[in-house]
PDB file of N, CA and C in Angstrom:
ATOM      1  N   ARG A   1      27.312   0.584  80.099  1.00  0.00           N
ATOM      2  CA  ARG A   1      26.792   1.615  80.218  1.00  0.00           C
ATOM      3  C   ARG A   1      27.194   2.913  79.888  1.00  0.00           C
ATOM      4  N   LEU A   2      27.049   4.199  79.841  1.00  0.00           N
ATOM      5  CA  LEU A   2      27.911   5.093  80.047  1.00  0.00           C
ATOM      6  C   LEU A   2      27.247   5.777  81.302  1.00  0.00           C
ATOM      7  N   THR A   3      28.027   6.414  81.946  1.00  0.00           N
ATOM      8  CA  THR A   3      28.075   6.603  83.470  1.00  0.00           C
ATOM      9  C   THR A   3      27.708   8.652  83.425  1.00  0.00           C
ATOM     10  N   GLY A   4      28.099   8.875  82.286  1.00  0.00           N
ATOM     11  CA  GLY A   4      27.875  10.529  82.187  1.00  0.00           C
ATOM     12  C   GLY A   4      28.981  11.572  82.470  1.00  0.00           C
ATOM     13  N   LYS A   5      30.028  10.718  83.358  1.00  0.00           N
ATOM     14  CA  LYS A   5      31.491  10.915  83.823  1.00  0.00           C
ATOM     15  C   LYS A   5      32.474  11.439  82.288  1.00  0.00           C
ATOM     16  N   GLU A   6      32.079  10.599  81.694  1.00  0.00           N
ATOM     17  CA  GLU A   6      32.926  10.615  80.332  1.00  0.00           C
ATOM     18  C   GLU A   6      32.272  11.968  79.506  1.00  0.00           C
ATOM     19  N   THR A   7      31.521  12.606  79.945  1.00  0.00           N
ATOM     20  CA  THR A   7      31.434  14.000  79.453  1.00  0.00           C
ATOM     21  C   THR A   7      32.121  15.187  79.634  1.00  0.00           C
ATOM     22  N   ARG A   8      32.879  14.844  80.660  1.00  0.00           N
ATOM     23  CA  ARG A   8      33.673  16.094  81.467  1.00  0.00           C
ATOM     24  C   ARG A   8      34.836  15.773  81.221  1.00  0.00           C
ATOM     25  N   GLY A   9      35.546  17.217  81.327  1.00  0.00           N
ATOM     26  CA  GLY A   9      37.053  17.018  81.517  1.00  0.00           C
ATOM     27  C   GLY A   9      37.998  16.655  80.326  1.00  0.00           C
ATOM     28  N   GLN A  10      38.985  15.595  80.452  1.00  0.00           N
ATOM     29  CA  GLN A  10      39.167  14.972  79.627  1.00  0.00           C
ATOM     30  C   GLN A  10      39.161  14.587  78.098  1.00  0.00           C
ATOM     31  N   TYR A  11      37.623  14.313  78.295  1.00  0.00           N
ATOM     32  CA  TYR A  11      36.986  13.683  77.323  1.00  0.00           C
ATOM     33  C   TYR A  11      36.597  14.716  76.317  1.00  0.00           C
ATOM     34  N   PHE A  12      36.162  15.782  76.667  1.00  0.00           N
ATOM     35  CA  PHE A  12      35.498  17.046  75.863  1.00  0.00           C
ATOM     36  C   PHE A  12      36.723  17.920  75.399  1.00  0.00           C
ATOM     37  N   PRO A  13      36.538  18.091  73.849  1.00  0.00           N
ATOM     38  CA  PRO A  13      37.926  18.862  73.097  1.00  0.00           C
ATOM     39  C   PRO A  13      37.764  20.520  74.177  1.00  0.00           C
ATOM     40  N   PRO A  14      38.935  20.466  74.064  1.00  0.00           N
ATOM     41  CA  PRO A  14      39.227  21.891  74.825  1.00  0.00           C
ATOM     42  C   PRO A  14      38.772  23.326  73.790  1.00  0.00           C
ATOM     43  N   LEU A  15      38.665  24.171  74.522  1.00  0.00           N
ATOM     44  CA  LEU A  15      37.741  25.385  74.110  1.00  0.00           C
ATOM     45  C   LEU A  15      38.815  26.068  73.027  1.00  0.00           C
ATOM     46  N   GLY A  16      39.968  26.068  73.261  1.00  0.00           N
ATOM     47  CA  GLY A  16      40.844  27.029  72.500  1.00  0.00           C
ATOM     48  C   GLY A  16      41.662  25.983  71.320  1.00  0.00           C
ATOM     49  N   GLN A  17      41.986  26.449  70.295  1.00  0.00           N
ATOM     50  CA  GLN A  17      42.418  25.935  69.118  1.00  0.00           C
ATOM     51  C   GLN A  17      44.037  25.532  69.690  1.00  0.00           C
ATOM     52  N   ALA A  18      44.821  26.317  70.418  1.00  0.00           N
ATOM     53  CA  ALA A  18      46.178  26.155  70.855  1.00  0.00           C
ATOM     54  C   ALA A  18      46.275  25.327  71.672  1.00  0.00           C
ATOM     55  N   GLN A  19      44.962  25.107  72.804  1.00  0.00           N
ATOM     56  CA  GLN A  19      44.921  23.872  73.730  1.00  0.00           C
ATOM     57  C   GLN A  19      44.893  22.716  72.871  1.00  0.00           C
ATOM     58  N   PHE A  20      44.186  22.482  71.956  1.00  0.00           N
ATOM     59  CA  PHE A  20      43.713  21.388  70.826  1.00  0.00           C
ATOM     60  C   PHE A  20      44.901  21.024  70.146  1.00  0.00           C
ATOM     61  N   SER A  21      45.691  21.916  69.802  1.00  0.00           N
ATOM     62  CA  SER A  21      46.790  21.499  68.987  1.00  0.00           C
ATOM     63  C   SER A  21      48.025  21.337  69.480  1.00  0.00           C
ATOM     64  N   GLU A  22      48.190  21.559  70.754  1.00  0.00           N
ATOM     65  CA  GLU A  22      49.732  21.435  71.478  1.00  0.00           C
ATOM     66  C   GLU A  22      49.868  20.003  72.003  1.00  0.00           C
ATOM     67  N   HIS A  23      48.984  18.960  71.858  1.00  0.00           N
ATOM     68  CA  HIS A  23      49.327  17.875  72.121  1.00  0.00           C
ATOM     69  C   HIS A  23      48.801  16.706  70.878  1.00  0.00           C
ATOM     70  N   TRP A  24      49.184  15.866  70.981  1.00  0.00           N
ATOM     71  CA  TRP A  24      48.714  14.306  70.206  1.00  0.00           C
ATOM     72  C   TRP A  24      47.080  14.404  70.500  1.00  0.00           C
ATOM     73  N   ASN A  25      46.230  14.647  69.394  1.00  0.00           N
ATOM     74  CA  ASN A  25      44.748  14.876  69.602  1.00  0.00           C
ATOM     75  C   ASN A  25      43.884  13.805  68.853  1.00  0.00           C
ATOM     76  N   GLU A  26      44.573  12.638  68.665  1.00  0.00           N
ATOM     77  CA  GLU A  26      43.587  11.819  67.711  1.00  0.00           C
ATOM     78  C   GLU A  26      42.547  11.072  68.518  1.00  0.00           C
ATOM     79  N   HIS A  27      42.584  11.337  70.056  1.00  0.00           N
ATOM     80  CA  HIS A  27      41.702  10.461  70.775  1.00  0.00           C
ATOM     81  C   HIS A  27      40.324  11.450  70.662  1.00  0.00           C
ATOM     82  N   TYR A  28      40.482  12.349  70.626  1.00  0.00           N
ATOM     83  CA  TYR A  28      38.930  12.877  70.345  1.00  0.00           C
ATOM     84  C   TYR A  28      38.216  12.910  69.350  1.00  0.00           C
ATOM     85  N   GLY A  29      38.612  12.236  67.936  1.00  0.00           N
ATOM     86  CA  GLY A  29      37.792  11.760  66.767  1.00  0.00           C
ATOM     87  C   GLY A  29      37.691  10.056  67.213  1.00  0.00           C
ATOM     88  N   ASN A  30      38.584   9.195  67.572  1.00  0.00           N
ATOM     89  CA  ASN A  30      38.153   8.055  68.141  1.00  0.00           C
ATOM     90  C   ASN A  30      37.064   8.022  69.059  1.00  0.00           C
ATOM     91  N   ASN A  31      37.210   9.022  70.115  1.00  0.00           N
ATOM     92  CA  ASN A  31      35.878   8.815  71.001  1.00  0.00           C
ATOM     93  C   ASN A  31      34.418   9.172  70.626  1.00  0.00           C
ATOM     94  N   LEU A  32      34.408  10.303  69.616  1.00  0.00           N
ATOM     95  CA  LEU A  32      33.635  10.726  69.038  1.00  0.00           C
ATOM     96  C   LEU A  32      32.413   9.514  68.232  1.00  0.00           C
ATOM     97  N   LEU A  33      33.705   8.861  67.328  1.00  0.00           N
ATOM     98  CA  LEU A  33      33.105   7.454  66.766  1.00  0.00           C
ATOM     99  C   LEU A  33      32.541   6.595  67.571  1.00  0.00           C
ATOM    100  N   VAL A  34      33.045   6.315  68.942  1.00  0.00           N
ATOM    101  CA  VAL A  34      32.547   5.104  69.548  1.00  0.00           C
ATOM    102  C   VAL A  34      30.986   6.060  70.376  1.00  0.00           C
ATOM    103  N   LEU A  35      31.024   7.165  70.719  1.00  0.00           N
ATOM    104  CA  LEU A  35      29.662   7.697  71.255  1.00  0.00           C
ATOM    105  C   LEU A  35      28.808   7.484  70.127  1.00  0.00           C
ATOM    106  N   ALA A  36      29.359   7.803  68.887  1.00  0.00           N
ATOM    107  CA  ALA A  36      27.873   7.551  67.847  1.00  0.00           C
ATOM    108  C   ALA A  36      27.471   6.507  67.708  1.00  0.00           C
ATOM    109  N   MET A  37      28.524   5.443  67.595  1.00  0.00           N
ATOM    110  CA  MET A  37      28.221   4.158  67.903  1.00  0.00           C
ATOM    111  C   MET A  37      27.443   3.831  68.973  1.00  0.00           C
ATOM    112  N   TYR A  38      27.950   4.179  69.688  1.00  0.00           N
ATOM    113  CA  TYR A  38      26.719   3.766  71.106  1.00  0.00           C
ATOM    114  C   TYR A  38      25.316   4.060  71.195  1.00  0.00           C
ATOM    115  N   MET A  39      25.269   5.180  70.858  1.00  0.00           N
ATOM    116  CA  MET A  39      24.086   6.118  70.657  1.00  0.00           C
ATOM    117  C   MET A  39      22.965   5.289  69.720  1.00  0.00           C
ATOM    118  N   THR A  40      23.764   4.703  68.358  1.00  0.00           N
ATOM    119  CA  THR A  40      23.114   4.099  67.444  1.00  0.00           C
ATOM    120  C   THR A  40      22.689   2.820  68.023  1.00  0.00           C
ATOM    121  N   LEU A  41      23.496   1.902  68.764  1.00  0.00           N
ATOM    122  CA  LEU A  41      23.329   0.691  69.359  1.00  0.00           C
ATOM    123  C   LEU A  41      22.299   0.878  70.571  1.00  0.00           C
ATOM    124  N   LYS A  42      22.015   1.925  70.997  1.00  0.00           N
ATOM    125  CA  LYS A  42      21.544   2.152  72.763  1.00  0.00           C
ATOM    126  C   LYS A  42      20.675   3.034  72.266  1.00  0.00           C
ATOM    127  N   PRO A  43      19.681   3.265  71.591  1.00  0.00           N
ATOM    128  CA  PRO A  43      18.902   4.563  71.272  1.00  0.00           C
ATOM    129  C   PRO A  43      18.185   5.144  72.926  1.00  0.00           C
ATOM    130  N   GLU A  44      18.119   4.271  73.438  1.00  0.00           N
ATOM    131  CA  GLU A  44      17.773   4.855  75.083  1.00  0.00           C
ATOM    132  C   GLU A  44      18.673   5.812  75.704  1.00  0.00           C
ATOM    133  N   GLU A  45      20.026   5.712  74.898  1.00  0.00           N
ATOM    134  CA  GLU A  45      20.693   6.383  75.892  1.00  0.00           C
ATOM    135  C   GLU A  45      21.075   7.842  75.014  1.00  0.00           C
ATOM    136  N   ARG A  46      20.652   7.747  73.798  1.00  0.00           N
ATOM    137  CA  ARG A  46      20.622   8.745  72.920  1.00  0.00           C
ATOM    138  C   ARG A  46      19.958  10.235  73.688  1.00  0.00           C
ATOM    139  N   THR A  47      19.039  10.305  74.167  1.00  0.00           N
ATOM    140  CA  THR A  47      18.591  11.655  74.653  1.00  0.00           C
ATOM    141  C   THR A  47      19.522  12.076  75.614  1.00  0.00           C
ATOM    142  N   LYS A  48      20.072  11.084  76.612  1.00  0.00           N
ATOM    143  CA  LYS A  48      21.504  11.830  77.484  1.00  0.00           C
ATOM    144  C   LYS A  48      22.489  12.264  77.281  1.00  0.00           C
ATOM    145  N   LEU A  49      23.044  11.901  76.144  1.00  0.00           N
ATOM    146  CA  LEU A  49      24.226  11.899  75.391  1.00  0.00           C
ATOM    147  C   LEU A  49      24.093  12.994  74.204  1.00  0.00           C
ATOM    148  N   LEU A  50      22.587  13.094  73.875  1.00  0.00           N
ATOM    149  CA  LEU A  50      22.890  13.921  72.398  1.00  0.00           C
ATOM    150  C   LEU A  50      23.373  15.315  72.836  1.00  0.00           C
ATOM    151  N   PRO A  51      22.944  16.036  73.812  1.00  0.00           N
ATOM    152  CA  PRO A  51      23.527  17.352  73.945  1.00  0.00           C
ATOM    153  C   PRO A  51      24.705  17.196  73.848  1.00  0.00           C
ATOM    154  N   PHE A  52      25.770  16.501  74.659  1.00  0.00           N
ATOM    155  CA  PHE A  52      27.079  16.305  74.812  1.00  0.00           C
ATOM    156  C   PHE A  52      27.949  16.578  73.813  1.00  0.00           C
ATOM    157  N   VAL A  53      27.373  15.526  72.941  1.00  0.00           N
ATOM    158  CA  VAL A  53      27.639  14.772  71.277  1.00  0.00           C
ATOM    159  C   VAL A  53      27.672  15.938  70.390  1.00  0.00           C
ATOM    160  N   ARG A  54      26.673  16.841  70.359  1.00  0.00           N
ATOM    161  CA  ARG A  54      26.640  17.818  69.430  1.00  0.00           C
ATOM    162  C   ARG A  54      27.251  18.675  69.677  1.00  0.00           C
ATOM    163  N   ARG A  55      27.567  18.872  70.971  1.00  0.00           N
ATOM    164  CA  ARG A  55      28.710  20.281  71.363  1.00  0.00           C
ATOM    165  C   ARG A  55      29.996  20.014  71.066  1.00  0.00           C
ATOM    166  N   TYR A  56      30.274  18.376  71.334  1.00  0.00           N
ATOM    167  CA  TYR A  56      31.450  17.943  71.102  1.00  0.00           C
ATOM    168  C   TYR A  56      31.921  18.197  69.613  1.00  0.00           C
ATOM    169  N   MET A  57      30.669  18.143  68.577  1.00  0.00           N
ATOM    170  CA  MET A  57      30.867  17.870  67.064  1.00  0.00           C
ATOM    171  C   MET A  57      30.976  19.111  66.509  1.00  0.00           C
ATOM    172  N   MET A  58      30.328  20.222  66.945  1.00  0.00           N
ATOM    173  CA  MET A  58      30.534  21.714  66.743  1.00  0.00           C
ATOM    174  C   MET A  58      31.948  22.247  67.395  1.00  0.00           C
ATOM    175  N   ARG A  59      32.117  21.637  68.545  1.00  0.00           N
ATOM    176  CA  ARG A  59      33.606  22.439  68.796  1.00  0.00           C
ATOM    177  C   ARG A  59      34.697  21.842  68.263  1.00  0.00           C
ATOM    178  N   LEU A  60      34.697  20.551  67.582  1.00  0.00           N
ATOM    179  CA  LEU A  60      35.662  20.016  66.456  1.00  0.00           C
ATOM    180  C   LEU A  60      35.442  20.589  65.324  1.00  0.00           C
ATOM    181  N   ALA A  61      34.451  20.586  64.778  1.00  0.00           N
ATOM    182  CA  ALA A  61      34.107  21.618  63.670  1.00  0.00           C
ATOM    183  C   ALA A  61      34.378  22.767  63.372  1.00  0.00           C
ATOM    184  N   ARG A  62      34.578  23.624  64.583  1.00  0.00           N
ATOM    185  CA  ARG A  62      34.805  25.149  64.629  1.00  0.00           C
ATOM    186  C   ARG A  62      36.283  25.622  64.730  1.00  0.00           C
ATOM    187  N   TYR A  63      37.286  24.267  65.007  1.00  0.00           N
ATOM    188  CA  TYR A  63      38.446  24.476  64.885  1.00  0.00           C
ATOM    189  C   TYR A  63      39.156  24.874  63.633  1.00  0.00           C
ATOM    190  N   PRO A  64      39.894  26.090  63.396  1.00  0.00           N
ATOM    191  CA  PRO A  64      40.504  26.124  62.004  1.00  0.00           C
ATOM    192  C   PRO A  64      41.083  25.037  61.480  1.00  0.00           C
ATOM    193  N   SER A  65      42.248  24.141  62.123  1.00  0.00           N
ATOM    194  CA  SER A  65      43.296  23.291  61.568  1.00  0.00           C
ATOM    195  C   SER A  65      42.674  22.155  63.105  1.00  0.00           C
ATOM    196  N   TRP A  66      43.131  20.970  62.451  1.00  0.00           N
ATOM    197  CA  TRP A  66      43.376  19.729  63.220  1.00  0.00           C
ATOM    198  C   TRP A  66      44.900  19.199  63.415  1.00  0.00           C
ATOM    199  N   GLU A  67      45.616  19.968  63.440  1.00  0.00           N
ATOM    200  CA  GLU A  67      46.937  19.716  63.213  1.00  0.00           C
ATOM    201  C   GLU A  67      47.229  19.695  64.440  1.00  0.00           C
ATOM    202  N   VAL A  68      48.701  18.885  65.195  1.00  0.00           N
ATOM    203  CA  VAL A  68      49.200  19.086  66.000  1.00  0.00           C
ATOM    204  C   VAL A  68      50.513  20.081  65.766  1.00  0.00           C
ATOM    205  N   THR A  69      50.670  20.750  66.736  1.00  0.00           N
ATOM    206  CA  THR A  69      51.968  22.012  66.640  1.00  0.00           C
ATOM    207  C   THR A  69      53.201  21.123  66.488  1.00  0.00           C
ATOM    208  N   GLY A  70      54.022  21.076  65.900  1.00  0.00           N
ATOM    209  CA  GLY A  70      55.295  20.416  65.913  1.00  0.00           C
ATOM    210  C   GLY A  70      55.114  19.493  64.865  1.00  0.00           C
ATOM    211  N   GLN A  71      54.049  18.917  64.786  1.00  0.00           N
ATOM    212  CA  GLN A  71      53.797  17.778  63.899  1.00  0.00           C
ATOM    213  C   GLN A  71      53.007  18.191  62.570  1.00  0.00           C
ATOM    214  N   ARG A  72      53.795  18.978  62.011  1.00  0.00           N
ATOM    215  CA  ARG A  72      53.129  19.952  60.842  1.00  0.00           C
ATOM    216  C   ARG A  72      53.256  18.718  59.837  1.00  0.00           C
ATOM    217  N   GLY A  73      52.181  18.611  58.967  1.00  0.00           N
ATOM    218  CA  GLY A  73      52.075  17.706  57.651  1.00  0.00           C
ATOM    219  C   GLY A  73      52.201  15.858  58.173  1.00  0.00           C
ATOM    220  N   ASP A  74      51.979  15.770  59.366  1.00  0.00           N
ATOM    221  CA  ASP A  74      51.661  14.448  59.805  1.00  0.00           C
ATOM    222  C   ASP A  74      49.816  14.522  59.572  1.00  0.00           C
ATOM    223  N   ASP A  75      49.500  13.464  58.885  1.00  0.00           N
ATOM    224  CA  ASP A  75      48.086  13.344  58.594  1.00  0.00           C
ATOM    225  C   ASP A  75      47.430  12.749  59.702  1.00  0.00           C
ATOM    226  N   VAL A  76      47.980  11.626  60.750  1.00  0.00           N
ATOM    227  CA  VAL A  76      47.161  10.972  61.715  1.00  0.00           C
ATOM    228  C   VAL A  76      46.040  11.446  62.377  1.00  0.00           C
ATOM    229  N   PRO A  77      46.742  12.519  63.155  1.00  0.00           N
ATOM    230  CA  PRO A  77      45.560  12.981  63.886  1.00  0.00           C
ATOM    231  C   PRO A  77      44.551  13.740  63.346  1.00  0.00           C
ATOM    232  N   ARG A  78      44.521  14.497  62.080  1.00  0.00           N
ATOM    233  CA  ARG A  78      43.672  14.886  61.719  1.00  0.00           C
ATOM    234  C   ARG A  78      42.630  13.642  60.991  1.00  0.00           C
ATOM    235  N   SER A  79      43.283  12.938  60.452  1.00  0.00           N
ATOM    236  CA  SER A  79      42.336  11.715  59.869  1.00  0.00           C
ATOM    237  C   SER A  79      41.874  11.109  60.822  1.00  0.00           C
ATOM    238  N   HIS A  80      41.983  10.881  62.152  1.00  0.00           N
ATOM    239  CA  HIS A  80      41.019  10.465  62.910  1.00  0.00           C
ATOM    240  C   HIS A  80      40.186  11.363  63.731  1.00  0.00           C
ATOM    241  N   THR A  81      40.426  12.759  63.688  1.00  0.00           N
ATOM    242  CA  THR A  81      39.197  13.632  63.901  1.00  0.00           C
ATOM    243  C   THR A  81      38.456  13.406  62.491  1.00  0.00           C
ATOM    244  N   LEU A  82      38.691  13.903  61.329  1.00  0.00           N
ATOM    245  CA  LEU A  82      38.153  13.662  60.476  1.00  0.00           C
ATOM    246  C   LEU A  82      37.075  12.010  60.174  1.00  0.00           C
ATOM    247  N   LEU A  83      37.567  11.197  60.749  1.00  0.00           N
ATOM    248  CA  LEU A  83      36.712   9.813  60.356  1.00  0.00           C
ATOM    249  C   LEU A  83      35.583   9.785  61.621  1.00  0.00           C
ATOM    250  N   GLY A  84      36.111   9.945  62.872  1.00  0.00           N
ATOM    251  CA  GLY A  84      35.212  10.319  64.030  1.00  0.00           C
ATOM    252  C   GLY A  84      34.421  11.485  63.788  1.00  0.00           C
ATOM    253  N   LEU A  85      34.254  12.683  63.306  1.00  0.00           N
ATOM    254  CA  LEU A  85      33.188  13.610  62.910  1.00  0.00           C
ATOM    255  C   LEU A  85      32.508  12.937  61.713  1.00  0.00           C
ATOM    256  N   ALA A  86      33.033  12.597  60.348  1.00  0.00           N
ATOM    257  CA  ALA A  86      32.200  12.060  59.485  1.00  0.00           C
ATOM    258  C   ALA A  86      31.425  10.784  59.917  1.00  0.00           C
ATOM    259  N   VAL A  87      31.671  10.257  61.046  1.00  0.00           N
ATOM    260  CA  VAL A  87      30.782   9.054  61.290  1.00  0.00           C
ATOM    261  C   VAL A  87      30.009   9.413  61.877  1.00  0.00           C
ATOM    262  N   ALA A  88      30.133  10.129  62.810  1.00  0.00           N
ATOM    263  CA  ALA A  88      29.098  10.874  63.785  1.00  0.00           C
ATOM    264  C   ALA A  88      28.160  11.614  62.914  1.00  0.00           C
ATOM    265  N   PHE A  89      28.481  11.970  62.531  1.00  0.00           N
ATOM    266  CA  PHE A  89      27.682  12.848  61.497  1.00  0.00           C
ATOM    267  C   PHE A  89      26.569  12.102  60.619  1.00  0.00           C
ATOM    268  N   ASP A  90      27.372  11.015  59.851  1.00  0.00           N
ATOM    269  CA  ASP A  90      26.245  10.207  59.280  1.00  0.00           C
ATOM    270  C   ASP A  90      25.429   9.501  60.408  1.00  0.00           C
ATOM    271  N   LEU A  91      25.706   8.834  61.334  1.00  0.00           N
ATOM    272  CA  LEU A  91      24.908   8.100  61.999  1.00  0.00           C
ATOM    273  C   LEU A  91      24.038   9.099  63.101  1.00  0.00           C
ATOM    274  N   LEU A  92      24.237  10.306  62.992  1.00  0.00           N
ATOM    275  CA  LEU A  92      23.402  11.171  63.949  1.00  0.00           C
ATOM    276  C   LEU A  92      22.798  12.259  63.152  1.00  0.00           C
ATOM    277  N   TYR A  93      22.673  12.327  61.747  1.00  0.00           N
ATOM    278  CA  TYR A  93      22.207  13.241  61.134  1.00  0.00           C
ATOM    279  C   TYR A  93      20.889  13.801  61.298  1.00  0.00           C
ATOM    280  N   ALA A  94      20.125  12.593  61.727  1.00  0.00           N
ATOM    281  CA  ALA A  94      18.613  12.925  61.962  1.00  0.00           C
ATOM    282  C   ALA A  94      18.523  13.568  63.411  1.00  0.00           C
ATOM    283  N   HIS A  95      19.084  13.612  63.705  1.00  0.00           N
ATOM    284  CA  HIS A  95      19.098  14.343  65.435  1.00  0.00           C
ATOM    285  C   HIS A  95      19.942  15.871  65.278  1.00  0.00           C
ATOM    286  N   LEU A  96      20.356  16.307  64.203  1.00  0.00           N
ATOM    287  CA  LEU A  96      21.054  17.567  64.064  1.00  0.00           C
ATOM    288  C   LEU A  96      20.457  18.381  63.948  1.00  0.00           C
ATOM    289  N   GLU A  97      20.553  19.723  64.325  1.00  0.00           N
ATOM    290  CA  GLU A  97      20.064  20.855  64.073  1.00  0.00           C
ATOM    291  C   GLU A  97      19.986  21.207  62.268  1.00  0.00           C
ATOM    292  N   SER A  98      19.716  21.913  61.528  1.00  0.00           N
ATOM    293  CA  SER A  98      19.976  22.043  60.437  1.00  0.00           C
ATOM    294  C   SER A  98      21.159  23.080  60.084  1.00  0.00           C
ATOM    295  N   ASN A  99      20.905  23.732  61.230  1.00  0.00           N
ATOM    296  CA  ASN A  99      22.607  24.822  61.544  1.00  0.00           C
ATOM    297  C   ASN A  99      23.554  24.092  61.619  1.00  0.00           C
ATOM    298  N   GLU A 100      23.712  22.848  62.427  1.00  0.00           N
ATOM    299  CA  GLU A 100      24.658  22.133  62.694  1.00  0.00           C
ATOM    300  C   GLU A 100      25.461  21.540  61.795  1.00  0.00           C
ATOM    301  N   ARG A 101      24.256  21.005  61.197  1.00  0.00           N
ATOM    302  CA  ARG A 101      24.501  19.813  59.754  1.00  0.00           C
ATOM    303  C   ARG A 101      25.336  21.293  58.743  1.00  0.00           C
ATOM    304  N   VAL A 102      25.158  22.380  58.901  1.00  0.00           N
ATOM    305  CA  VAL A 102      25.906  23.299  57.718  1.00  0.00           C
ATOM    306  C   VAL A 102      27.270  23.341  58.321  1.00  0.00           C
ATOM    307  N   VAL A 103      27.493  23.461  59.935  1.00  0.00           N
ATOM    308  CA  VAL A 103      29.029  23.568  60.353  1.00  0.00           C
ATOM    309  C   VAL A 103      29.649  22.689  59.894  1.00  0.00           C
ATOM    310  N   ILE A 104      29.207  21.498  60.658  1.00  0.00           N
ATOM    311  CA  ILE A 104      29.717  20.398  60.249  1.00  0.00           C
ATOM    312  C   ILE A 104      30.047  19.995  59.145  1.00  0.00           C
TER     313      ILE A 104
END
Protein backbone atom coordinates (compact mmCIF):
# COMPACT_ATOMS: atom_id res chain seq x y z
CA ARG A 1 0.00 0.00 0.00
CA LEU A 2 1.28 3.44 -0.89
CA THR A 3 1.45 5.94 1.94
CA GLY A 4 1.29 9.20 0.04
CA LYS A 5 4.89 10.05 0.89
CA GLU A 6 5.76 8.71 -2.54
CA THR A 7 4.05 11.72 -4.07
CA ARG A 8 6.60 14.28 -2.93
CA GLY A 9 10.15 15.36 -3.51
CA GLN A 10 12.44 12.97 -5.33
CA TYR A 11 9.59 10.95 -6.80
CA PHE A 12 8.02 13.81 -8.74
CA PRO A 13 9.71 15.03 -11.94
CA PRO A 14 11.32 18.43 -11.43
CA LEU A 15 9.63 21.56 -12.68
CA GLY A 16 12.35 22.61 -15.08
CA GLN A 17 13.75 20.86 -18.13
CA ALA A 18 17.32 21.67 -17.04
CA GLN A 19 16.89 19.91 -13.70
CA PHE A 20 15.29 16.91 -15.35
CA SER A 21 18.06 16.60 -17.92
CA GLU A 22 21.06 17.10 -15.66
CA HIS A 23 20.87 13.63 -14.13
CA TRP A 24 20.16 10.09 -15.27
CA ASN A 25 16.35 10.25 -15.23
CA GLU A 26 14.90 6.93 -16.32
CA HIS A 27 13.48 6.34 -12.84
CA TYR A 28 10.65 8.81 -13.57
CA GLY A 29 9.31 6.61 -16.36
CA ASN A 30 9.88 3.46 -14.31
CA ASN A 31 8.06 4.89 -11.29
CA LEU A 32 5.15 6.09 -13.42
CA LEU A 33 4.70 2.64 -14.92
CA VAL A 34 4.60 1.08 -11.43
CA LEU A 35 2.12 3.70 -10.17
CA ALA A 36 -0.21 3.13 -13.13
CA MET A 37 -0.07 -0.63 -12.67
CA TYR A 38 -0.69 -0.27 -8.94
CA MET A 39 -3.72 1.94 -9.59
CA THR A 40 -5.05 -0.63 -12.05
CA LEU A 41 -4.64 -3.52 -9.64
CA LYS A 42 -5.85 -1.53 -6.61
CA PRO A 43 -8.74 0.63 -7.88
CA GLU A 44 -9.61 1.60 -4.31
CA GLU A 45 -6.32 3.55 -4.24
CA ARG A 46 -6.95 5.32 -7.55
CA THR A 47 -8.90 8.27 -6.14
CA LYS A 48 -6.06 9.18 -3.79
CA LEU A 49 -3.30 8.82 -6.38
CA LEU A 50 -4.95 10.00 -9.60
CA PRO A 51 -4.38 13.76 -9.14
CA PHE A 52 -0.69 13.16 -8.48
CA VAL A 53 -0.28 10.77 -11.41
CA ARG A 54 -2.08 13.11 -13.78
CA ARG A 55 0.25 15.99 -12.81
CA TYR A 56 3.22 13.62 -13.13
CA MET A 57 2.19 12.59 -16.65
CA MET A 58 1.58 16.17 -17.75
CA ARG A 59 4.96 17.26 -16.40
CA LEU A 60 6.75 14.55 -18.38
CA ALA A 61 4.71 15.24 -21.51
CA ARG A 62 5.57 18.95 -21.47
CA TYR A 63 9.34 18.55 -21.41
CA PRO A 64 10.72 19.38 -24.86
CA SER A 65 13.26 16.55 -24.54
CA TRP A 66 13.94 13.57 -22.29
CA GLU A 67 17.66 13.45 -23.06
CA VAL A 68 20.27 13.60 -20.31
CA THR A 69 22.74 16.44 -20.74
CA GLY A 70 26.12 15.00 -21.58
CA GLN A 71 24.54 11.76 -22.78
CA ARG A 72 23.21 12.97 -26.12
CA GLY A 73 22.21 10.08 -28.30
CA ASP A 74 21.73 7.68 -25.39
CA ASP A 75 18.23 6.31 -25.82
CA VAL A 76 17.98 4.51 -22.47
CA PRO A 77 16.52 7.41 -20.43
CA ARG A 78 14.16 8.36 -23.25
CA SER A 79 12.97 4.80 -23.72
CA HIS A 80 12.20 4.36 -20.01
CA THR A 81 10.28 7.63 -19.93
CA LEU A 82 8.39 6.80 -23.12
CA LEU A 83 7.48 3.31 -21.93
CA GLY A 84 6.29 4.55 -18.53
CA LEU A 85 4.24 7.35 -20.04
CA ALA A 86 2.74 5.13 -22.76
CA VAL A 87 1.72 2.36 -20.35
CA ALA A 88 0.29 4.87 -17.87
CA PHE A 89 -1.62 6.56 -20.69
CA ASP A 90 -3.13 3.25 -21.81
CA LEU A 91 -4.00 2.02 -18.32
CA LEU A 92 -5.44 5.33 -17.11
CA TYR A 93 -6.93 6.64 -20.36
CA ALA A 94 -10.51 6.56 -19.03
CA HIS A 95 -9.45 8.68 -16.06
CA LEU A 96 -7.72 11.44 -18.03
CA GLU A 97 -9.37 14.66 -19.14
CA SER A 98 -9.60 15.24 -22.89
CA ASN A 99 -7.05 18.08 -22.78
CA GLU A 100 -4.62 15.80 -20.91
CA ARG A 101 -5.06 13.11 -23.55
CA VAL A 102 -4.15 15.60 -26.27
CA VAL A 103 -1.00 16.82 -24.49
CA ILE A 104 0.20 13.37 -23.47
